[in-house]
């Protein structure tokens, strides 16, 4: 970006009388990288902390069942809505619909909010983090499998349709 800004300084100054600030582009890229690294650090710290806080002894088949039900409702609605909007607007290919349906939040807000009822002293809400953890885990697995499916579907859509050779 700095090279591009350096090459455009003189033509833009002549054309519109405005001089690009090369240092601004360098600073913007630096801030983007710092932001990415800090976001990764915070998410990593949070998931390690979540793993330390969650009591896995509460994990049982009832929680797994309810977690699957919550996952089915939340992500089922997302998939149905994505495909319905795509069908109504006719603006997305089927592979793009799969990609849009697969890209979903992966749980930082969900995990934080799951601890709030128990920390507020509301009775019988101690297992909410387990439900959240189940939904987060299933969401990550769903996204991973959906992206693999998207790649194969996109490759099929992009490959030219093979037609049978015609004899003349």
Foldseek 3Di string as FASTA:
>chain_A
DLVVLVVCQVVCCVVPVDGDDSVVVVVVVVVVVVVVVVVVVVVVVLVVVLVVPDDCVPDDVVLLVVLVVVLCVVLVVLLVVLVVVCVVVVPDDPLVSLLSSLDDDQQPVQLVVLCVCVVVPPPPSSCSNVSSVSNNVVSVVSSVVSVVVSVVVVVVVPDDDDDDDDDD
